[in-house]
Amino acid sequence: MKYLRDGHPALLDEDTDVIFLTSRGNAFHQVTLSQLVRSYFTAAGITKPGSCHMIRHTTATLMLEGGADLRSIQTLLGHEQLNTTQIYTHVSIKRLREVHDKTPRGVKDRDPDNRSDSEG
């Protein structure tokens, strides 16, 4: 909020909807942002290459895992079609484990090798 109140207006030469601006008051170019993200990853000792897309995807996935509904994520990401958001997100191992833990015990504990004679 401090940035939006104090920093952002100080960078502006003209009114814009762009939130994050360079020190010259211009919108960040996607390539510049990705280079900046990579440099922060490197400085933090993270060996996986970073990108804006990766952060965007991770944020959407964590929001989904945290209980955000798909429509809210769609709006945040600016997707026109919900199916774009559905493709963009993925099912996490954590979510699969939660579903598995909710499976009734009889189904979960059944030994697939211990079949009755009528099953084959």
Protein backbone atom coordinates (compact mmCIF):
# COMPACT_ATOMS: atom_id res chain seq x y z
CA MET A 1 0.00 0.00 0.00
CA LYS A 2 2.91 2.33 0.77
CA TYR A 3 4.25 1.80 -2.76
CA LEU A 4 0.86 2.58 -4.30
CA ARG A 5 0.42 5.64 -2.10
CA ASP A 6 3.95 7.11 -2.17
CA GLY A 7 6.23 5.34 -4.66
CA HIS A 8 3.98 4.76 -7.65
CA PRO A 9 2.79 8.38 -8.05
CA ALA A 10 6.38 9.63 -7.79
CA LEU A 11 7.36 7.48 -10.80
CA LEU A 12 4.50 8.56 -13.04
CA ASP A 13 4.79 11.06 -15.85
CA GLU A 14 1.22 10.31 -16.94
CA ASP A 15 -1.70 8.31 -15.59
CA THR A 16 -1.46 4.55 -16.17
CA ASP A 17 -3.12 1.32 -15.07
CA VAL A 18 0.29 -0.34 -14.79
CA ILE A 19 1.14 -1.05 -11.16
CA PHE A 20 4.84 -1.92 -11.22
CA LEU A 21 7.03 0.62 -12.96
CA THR A 22 10.73 0.96 -13.68
CA SER A 23 12.69 3.75 -12.03
CA ARG A 24 12.00 5.77 -15.21
CA GLY A 25 8.23 5.40 -14.83
CA ASN A 26 7.80 2.90 -17.66
CA ALA A 27 6.02 -0.44 -17.54
CA PHE A 28 8.35 -3.39 -17.08
CA HIS A 29 8.87 -5.42 -20.23
CA GLN A 30 8.22 -9.16 -19.76
CA VAL A 31 11.81 -10.04 -20.67
CA THR A 32 13.16 -7.53 -18.14
CA LEU A 33 10.92 -8.92 -15.41
CA SER A 34 12.00 -12.49 -16.17
CA GLN A 35 15.67 -11.47 -16.01
CA LEU A 36 15.02 -9.76 -12.68
CA VAL A 37 13.26 -12.86 -11.31
CA ARG A 38 16.14 -15.09 -12.45
CA SER A 39 18.68 -12.82 -10.76
CA TYR A 40 16.71 -12.97 -7.48
CA PHE A 41 16.52 -16.76 -7.71
CA THR A 42 20.28 -16.97 -8.27
CA ALA A 43 21.00 -14.57 -5.40
CA ALA A 44 18.80 -16.69 -3.12
CA GLY A 45 20.69 -19.85 -4.07
CA ILE A 46 17.73 -21.38 -5.91
CA THR A 47 19.07 -23.51 -8.74
CA LYS A 48 15.79 -23.91 -10.62
CA PRO A 49 15.51 -21.24 -13.31
CA GLY A 50 12.88 -18.68 -12.40
CA SER A 51 10.46 -16.85 -14.65
CA CYS A 52 7.39 -14.69 -14.35
CA HIS A 53 5.30 -17.51 -15.81
CA MET A 54 6.57 -19.94 -13.17
CA ILE A 55 5.70 -17.52 -10.34
CA ARG A 56 2.27 -16.87 -11.90
CA HIS A 57 1.60 -20.60 -12.24
CA THR A 58 2.82 -21.34 -8.70
CA THR A 59 0.69 -18.54 -7.25
CA ALA A 60 -2.43 -19.83 -9.02
CA THR A 61 -1.74 -23.39 -7.88
CA LEU A 62 -1.16 -22.36 -4.25
CA MET A 63 -4.33 -20.27 -4.30
CA LEU A 64 -6.28 -23.26 -5.60
CA GLU A 65 -4.77 -25.50 -2.91
CA GLY A 66 -5.58 -22.85 -0.32
CA GLY A 67 -9.25 -22.97 -1.20
CA ALA A 68 -9.63 -20.16 -3.74
CA ASP A 69 -12.32 -20.88 -6.28
CA LEU A 70 -11.42 -21.27 -9.93
CA ARG A 71 -13.47 -18.23 -11.01
CA SER A 72 -11.51 -15.95 -8.65
CA ILE A 73 -8.23 -17.29 -9.99
CA GLN A 74 -9.54 -16.82 -13.54
CA THR A 75 -10.27 -13.16 -12.79
CA LEU A 76 -6.92 -12.58 -11.13
CA LEU A 77 -5.04 -14.11 -14.07
CA GLY A 78 -7.15 -12.20 -16.60
CA HIS A 79 -8.27 -15.30 -18.50
CA GLU A 80 -11.34 -14.80 -20.66
CA GLN A 81 -12.22 -18.51 -20.70
CA LEU A 82 -12.45 -20.70 -17.59
CA ASN A 83 -10.98 -23.66 -19.49
CA THR A 84 -7.75 -21.65 -19.89
CA THR A 85 -7.51 -21.42 -16.11
CA GLN A 86 -8.35 -25.11 -15.70
CA ILE A 87 -5.52 -26.08 -18.04
CA TYR A 88 -3.15 -23.63 -16.38
CA THR A 89 -3.58 -25.12 -12.92
CA HIS A 90 -2.77 -28.72 -12.00
CA VAL A 91 -3.64 -31.18 -9.28
CA SER A 92 -0.97 -31.22 -6.61
CA ILE A 93 0.27 -34.20 -4.65
CA LYS A 94 -1.03 -32.53 -1.48
CA ARG A 95 -4.54 -32.34 -2.94
CA LEU A 96 -4.39 -35.96 -4.10
CA ARG A 97 -3.38 -37.03 -0.59
CA GLU A 98 -6.30 -35.10 0.89
CA VAL A 99 -8.73 -36.92 -1.41
CA HIS A 100 -7.05 -40.22 -0.64
CA ASP A 101 -7.35 -39.59 3.12
CA LYS A 102 -11.09 -38.99 2.70
CA THR A 103 -11.53 -42.36 0.95
CA PRO A 104 -13.49 -44.82 3.15
CA ARG A 105 -11.21 -47.24 5.04
CA GLY A 106 -12.69 -50.38 3.47
CA VAL A 107 -11.73 -49.17 0.00
CA LYS A 108 -8.33 -47.84 1.02
CA ASP A 109 -7.24 -50.91 3.03
CA ARG A 110 -8.43 -53.62 0.63
CA ASP A 111 -5.60 -55.92 -0.45
CA PRO A 112 -5.80 -56.27 -4.25
CA ASP A 113 -4.06 -59.69 -4.08
CA ASN A 114 -6.56 -61.09 -1.55
CA ARG A 115 -9.50 -61.70 -3.88
CA SER A 116 -12.31 -64.18 -3.32
CA ASP A 117 -12.72 -67.14 -5.65
CA SER A 118 -15.68 -65.46 -7.34
CA GLU A 119 -13.45 -62.54 -8.38
CA GLY A 120 -11.13 -64.70 -10.38
